Amino acid sequence: MSQNSISNPPERFLLIRTDRIGDTVLTLPAVTALRKKFPAAFIAFLAQPYTAPLIEQYEGIDLLLSYEPEGRHRGWKGVLKLSHQLRELNFDAV
């Protein structure tokens, strides 16, 4: 077996970037790398709503999730709600 092979490769990825737009831009090439290595994988991206227009234009992302800390994800109830939503999506790698 080669060093680059994975015996049980992940099928569902979640990338998280809930900070500044520049950090989001710098994370987007990871989508390309994941898609190249795992072409059939499901790739989701969790980000702030103001970065959504940028992320939506990027090829290779199957699902864009919005993190709204001042809205529906505010406080512990909101974080718990987001946690349940992410758990239901059954990611292999985050």
N, C-alpha and C. Protein backbone atom coordinates (compact mmCIF):
# COMPACT_ATOMS: atom_id res chain seq x y z
N MET A 1 0.84 -1.17 0.00
CA MET A 1 0.00 0.00 0.00
C MET A 1 0.89 1.24 0.00
N SER A 2 0.55 2.22 -0.83
CA SER A 2 1.35 3.44 -0.90
C SER A 2 1.03 4.35 0.29
N GLN A 3 1.91 5.30 0.53
CA GLN A 3 1.70 6.25 1.63
C GLN A 3 0.48 7.12 1.41
N ASN A 4 0.10 7.35 0.17
CA ASN A 4 -1.00 8.25 -0.13
C ASN A 4 -2.37 7.58 -0.14
N SER A 5 -2.43 6.26 -0.04
CA SER A 5 -3.72 5.60 -0.07
C SER A 5 -4.33 5.56 1.34
N ILE A 6 -5.64 5.59 1.38
CA ILE A 6 -6.37 5.56 2.64
C ILE A 6 -7.28 4.34 2.59
N SER A 7 -7.19 3.48 3.60
CA SER A 7 -7.96 2.24 3.58
C SER A 7 -9.46 2.49 3.65
N ASN A 8 -9.90 3.47 4.40
CA ASN A 8 -11.32 3.79 4.51
C ASN A 8 -11.48 5.30 4.34
N PRO A 9 -11.46 5.79 3.09
CA PRO A 9 -11.46 7.24 2.87
C PRO A 9 -12.76 7.91 3.32
N PRO A 10 -12.65 9.11 3.84
CA PRO A 10 -13.85 9.86 4.23
C PRO A 10 -14.69 10.19 3.00
N GLU A 11 -15.99 10.26 3.21
CA GLU A 11 -16.92 10.56 2.11
C GLU A 11 -17.65 11.88 2.31
N ARG A 12 -17.65 12.39 3.54
CA ARG A 12 -18.41 13.61 3.84
C ARG A 12 -17.52 14.57 4.63
N PHE A 13 -17.23 15.71 4.01
CA PHE A 13 -16.33 16.70 4.60
C PHE A 13 -17.10 17.96 4.98
N LEU A 14 -16.66 18.59 6.07
CA LEU A 14 -17.17 19.90 6.45
C LEU A 14 -15.99 20.83 6.66
N LEU A 15 -15.98 21.92 5.90
CA LEU A 15 -14.99 22.98 6.09
C LEU A 15 -15.68 24.10 6.87
N ILE A 16 -15.00 24.62 7.87
CA ILE A 16 -15.58 25.67 8.71
C ILE A 16 -14.71 26.92 8.65
N ARG A 17 -15.34 28.03 8.30
CA ARG A 17 -14.64 29.32 8.27
C ARG A 17 -15.66 30.36 8.68
N THR A 18 -15.72 30.67 9.95
CA THR A 18 -16.74 31.60 10.44
C THR A 18 -16.15 32.94 10.86
N ASP A 19 -14.99 33.27 10.30
CA ASP A 19 -14.36 34.53 10.66
C ASP A 19 -14.34 35.50 9.49
N ARG A 20 -13.23 36.06 9.18
CA ARG A 20 -13.11 37.11 8.17
C ARG A 20 -13.12 36.58 6.74
N ILE A 21 -13.47 37.44 5.81
CA ILE A 21 -13.57 37.04 4.41
C ILE A 21 -12.21 36.63 3.82
N GLY A 22 -11.14 37.28 4.25
CA GLY A 22 -9.81 36.92 3.77
C GLY A 22 -9.43 35.50 4.15
N ASP A 23 -9.77 35.11 5.37
CA ASP A 23 -9.51 33.74 5.82
C ASP A 23 -10.35 32.74 5.02
N THR A 24 -11.56 33.14 4.69
CA THR A 24 -12.41 32.29 3.86
C THR A 24 -11.80 32.10 2.48
N VAL A 25 -11.32 33.18 1.88
CA VAL A 25 -10.68 33.11 0.56
C VAL A 25 -9.48 32.17 0.61
N LEU A 26 -8.69 32.26 1.67
CA LEU A 26 -7.50 31.41 1.79
C LEU A 26 -7.85 29.94 2.02
N THR A 27 -9.06 29.66 2.47
CA THR A 27 -9.49 28.28 2.71
C THR A 27 -10.07 27.63 1.45
N LEU A 28 -10.56 28.41 0.52
CA LEU A 28 -11.22 27.85 -0.66
C LEU A 28 -10.36 26.88 -1.47
N PRO A 29 -9.06 27.08 -1.62
CA PRO A 29 -8.27 26.08 -2.34
C PRO A 29 -8.31 24.69 -1.71
N ALA A 30 -8.64 24.61 -0.43
CA ALA A 30 -8.79 23.30 0.21
C ALA A 30 -9.93 22.52 -0.42
N VAL A 31 -10.96 23.23 -0.88
CA VAL A 31 -12.07 22.57 -1.57
C VAL A 31 -11.56 21.89 -2.84
N THR A 32 -10.76 22.60 -3.60
CA THR A 32 -10.19 22.04 -4.83
C THR A 32 -9.33 20.82 -4.53
N ALA A 33 -8.51 20.91 -3.49
CA ALA A 33 -7.64 19.79 -3.12
C ALA A 33 -8.45 18.58 -2.68
N LEU A 34 -9.49 18.81 -1.87
CA LEU A 34 -10.34 17.70 -1.44
C LEU A 34 -11.07 17.07 -2.62
N ARG A 35 -11.58 17.91 -3.50
CA ARG A 35 -12.33 17.41 -4.66
C ARG A 35 -11.41 16.59 -5.57
N LYS A 36 -10.17 17.01 -5.70
CA LYS A 36 -9.21 16.29 -6.53
C LYS A 36 -8.88 14.93 -5.91
N LYS A 37 -8.67 14.90 -4.61
CA LYS A 37 -8.31 13.66 -3.91
C LYS A 37 -9.51 12.73 -3.72
N PHE A 38 -10.68 13.32 -3.50
CA PHE A 38 -11.91 12.55 -3.24
C PHE A 38 -13.03 13.06 -4.16
N PRO A 39 -12.99 12.72 -5.45
CA PRO A 39 -13.94 13.29 -6.41
C PRO A 39 -15.41 13.00 -6.12
N ALA A 40 -15.72 11.91 -5.47
CA ALA A 40 -17.12 11.56 -5.21
C ALA A 40 -17.59 12.04 -3.83
N ALA A 41 -16.74 12.70 -3.09
CA ALA A 41 -17.07 13.13 -1.72
C ALA A 41 -18.12 14.23 -1.71
N PHE A 42 -18.82 14.31 -0.59
CA PHE A 42 -19.76 15.39 -0.32
C PHE A 42 -18.99 16.43 0.49
N ILE A 43 -18.96 17.67 -0.01
CA ILE A 43 -18.21 18.73 0.66
C ILE A 43 -19.16 19.87 1.03
N ALA A 44 -19.21 20.15 2.33
CA ALA A 44 -20.03 21.25 2.83
C ALA A 44 -19.11 22.33 3.42
N PHE A 45 -19.62 23.54 3.46
CA PHE A 45 -18.85 24.68 3.96
C PHE A 45 -19.74 25.47 4.91
N LEU A 46 -19.28 25.66 6.14
CA LEU A 46 -19.99 26.45 7.14
C LEU A 46 -19.32 27.81 7.24
N ALA A 47 -20.10 28.88 7.03
CA ALA A 47 -19.51 30.22 7.00
C ALA A 47 -20.53 31.26 7.43
N GLN A 48 -20.03 32.47 7.65
CA GLN A 48 -20.88 33.62 7.97
C GLN A 48 -21.71 33.99 6.73
N PRO A 49 -22.91 34.52 6.92
CA PRO A 49 -23.75 34.89 5.78
C PRO A 49 -23.10 35.87 4.81
N TYR A 50 -22.28 36.81 5.32
CA TYR A 50 -21.70 37.81 4.42
C TYR A 50 -20.66 37.22 3.47
N THR A 51 -20.18 36.01 3.73
CA THR A 51 -19.22 35.37 2.81
C THR A 51 -19.92 34.44 1.82
N ALA A 52 -21.21 34.23 1.99
CA ALA A 52 -21.96 33.30 1.14
C ALA A 52 -21.85 33.61 -0.36
N PRO A 53 -21.99 34.87 -0.80
CA PRO A 53 -21.90 35.12 -2.24
C PRO A 53 -20.57 34.67 -2.85
N LEU A 54 -19.49 34.81 -2.11
CA LEU A 54 -18.18 34.37 -2.58
C LEU A 54 -18.13 32.84 -2.66
N ILE A 55 -18.56 32.18 -1.60
CA ILE A 55 -18.48 30.72 -1.53
C ILE A 55 -19.40 30.07 -2.56
N GLU A 56 -20.57 30.65 -2.79
CA GLU A 56 -21.52 30.09 -3.76
C GLU A 56 -20.94 30.05 -5.17
N GLN A 57 -20.03 30.94 -5.48
CA GLN A 57 -19.43 30.99 -6.81
C GLN A 57 -18.31 29.97 -7.00
N TYR A 58 -17.87 29.36 -5.92
CA TYR A 58 -16.73 28.45 -5.97
C TYR A 58 -17.20 27.04 -6.31
N GLU A 59 -16.61 26.44 -7.33
CA GLU A 59 -17.00 25.09 -7.75
C GLU A 59 -16.51 24.05 -6.76
N GLY A 60 -17.30 23.01 -6.61
CA GLY A 60 -16.88 21.88 -5.79
C GLY A 60 -17.55 21.80 -4.43
N ILE A 61 -18.32 22.81 -4.07
CA ILE A 61 -19.01 22.80 -2.78
C ILE A 61 -20.44 22.32 -3.00
N ASP A 62 -20.80 21.26 -2.28
CA ASP A 62 -22.13 20.67 -2.43
C ASP A 62 -23.19 21.36 -1.58
N LEU A 63 -22.78 21.88 -0.43
CA LEU A 63 -23.74 22.50 0.49
C LEU A 63 -23.08 23.65 1.23
N LEU A 64 -23.74 24.79 1.24
CA LEU A 64 -23.27 25.95 2.00
C LEU A 64 -24.19 26.11 3.21
N LEU A 65 -23.60 26.06 4.39
CA LEU A 65 -24.35 26.24 5.62
C LEU A 65 -24.02 27.61 6.20
N SER A 66 -25.03 28.29 6.67
CA SER A 66 -24.85 29.64 7.20
C SER A 66 -24.81 29.62 8.72
N TYR A 67 -23.74 30.20 9.29
CA TYR A 67 -23.62 30.34 10.74
C TYR A 67 -24.01 31.77 11.09
N GLU A 68 -25.07 31.92 11.87
CA GLU A 68 -25.62 33.23 12.21
C GLU A 68 -25.58 33.46 13.72
N PRO A 69 -24.40 33.88 14.25
CA PRO A 69 -24.26 34.04 15.70
C PRO A 69 -25.10 35.16 16.30
N GLU A 70 -25.54 36.09 15.49
CA GLU A 70 -26.39 37.18 15.99
C GLU A 70 -27.85 36.91 15.67
N GLY A 71 -28.14 35.80 15.03
CA GLY A 71 -29.50 35.45 14.65
C GLY A 71 -29.91 34.11 15.23
N ARG A 72 -30.21 33.17 14.36
CA ARG A 72 -30.76 31.88 14.82
C ARG A 72 -29.77 31.02 15.59
N HIS A 73 -28.48 31.33 15.54
CA HIS A 73 -27.49 30.56 16.31
C HIS A 73 -26.99 31.33 17.53
N ARG A 74 -27.75 32.31 17.95
CA ARG A 74 -27.35 33.14 19.09
C ARG A 74 -27.53 32.37 20.41
N GLY A 75 -26.56 32.51 21.28
CA GLY A 75 -26.65 31.89 22.60
C GLY A 75 -26.51 30.37 22.56
N TRP A 76 -26.67 29.78 23.74
CA TRP A 76 -26.50 28.33 23.85
C TRP A 76 -27.55 27.56 23.06
N LYS A 77 -28.78 28.04 23.06
CA LYS A 77 -29.83 27.36 22.29
C LYS A 77 -29.49 27.34 20.81
N GLY A 78 -28.98 28.45 20.33
CA GLY A 78 -28.61 28.53 18.92
C GLY A 78 -27.45 27.63 18.56
N VAL A 79 -26.45 27.58 19.43
CA VAL A 79 -25.29 26.71 19.20
C VAL A 79 -25.74 25.25 19.23
N LEU A 80 -26.62 24.92 20.14
CA LEU A 80 -27.15 23.56 20.21
C LEU A 80 -27.93 23.20 18.94
N LYS A 81 -28.70 24.15 18.45
CA LYS A 81 -29.45 23.95 17.21
C LYS A 81 -28.50 23.66 16.05
N LEU A 82 -27.43 24.45 15.94
CA LEU A 82 -26.44 24.23 14.89
C LEU A 82 -25.75 22.88 15.06
N SER A 83 -25.43 22.54 16.29
CA SER A 83 -24.79 21.26 16.58
C SER A 83 -25.65 20.09 16.11
N HIS A 84 -26.93 20.16 16.38
CA HIS A 84 -27.85 19.10 15.93
C HIS A 84 -27.91 19.03 14.41
N GLN A 85 -27.96 20.19 13.78
CA GLN A 85 -28.00 20.24 12.31
C GLN A 85 -26.75 19.59 11.72
N LEU A 86 -25.59 19.90 12.27
CA LEU A 86 -24.34 19.34 11.76
C LEU A 86 -24.26 17.84 12.03
N ARG A 87 -24.72 17.42 13.18
CA ARG A 87 -24.69 16.00 13.52
C ARG A 87 -25.56 15.19 12.55
N GLU A 88 -26.70 15.74 12.16
CA GLU A 88 -27.60 15.06 11.23
C GLU A 88 -26.96 14.86 9.86
N LEU A 89 -26.01 15.71 9.50
CA LEU A 89 -25.36 15.59 8.20
C LEU A 89 -24.24 14.54 8.20
N ASN A 90 -23.92 14.01 9.36
CA ASN A 90 -23.04 12.84 9.48
C ASN A 90 -21.70 12.99 8.75
N PHE A 91 -20.94 14.02 9.11
CA PHE A 91 -19.65 14.25 8.47
C PHE A 91 -18.60 13.26 8.96
N ASP A 92 -17.72 12.85 8.05
CA ASP A 92 -16.60 11.96 8.39
C ASP A 92 -15.38 12.76 8.81
N ALA A 93 -15.22 13.93 8.24
CA ALA A 93 -14.04 14.75 8.51
C ALA A 93 -14.45 16.22 8.57
N VAL A 94 -13.94 16.92 9.58
CA VAL A 94 -14.26 18.34 9.76
C VAL A 94 -12.97 19.12 9.82
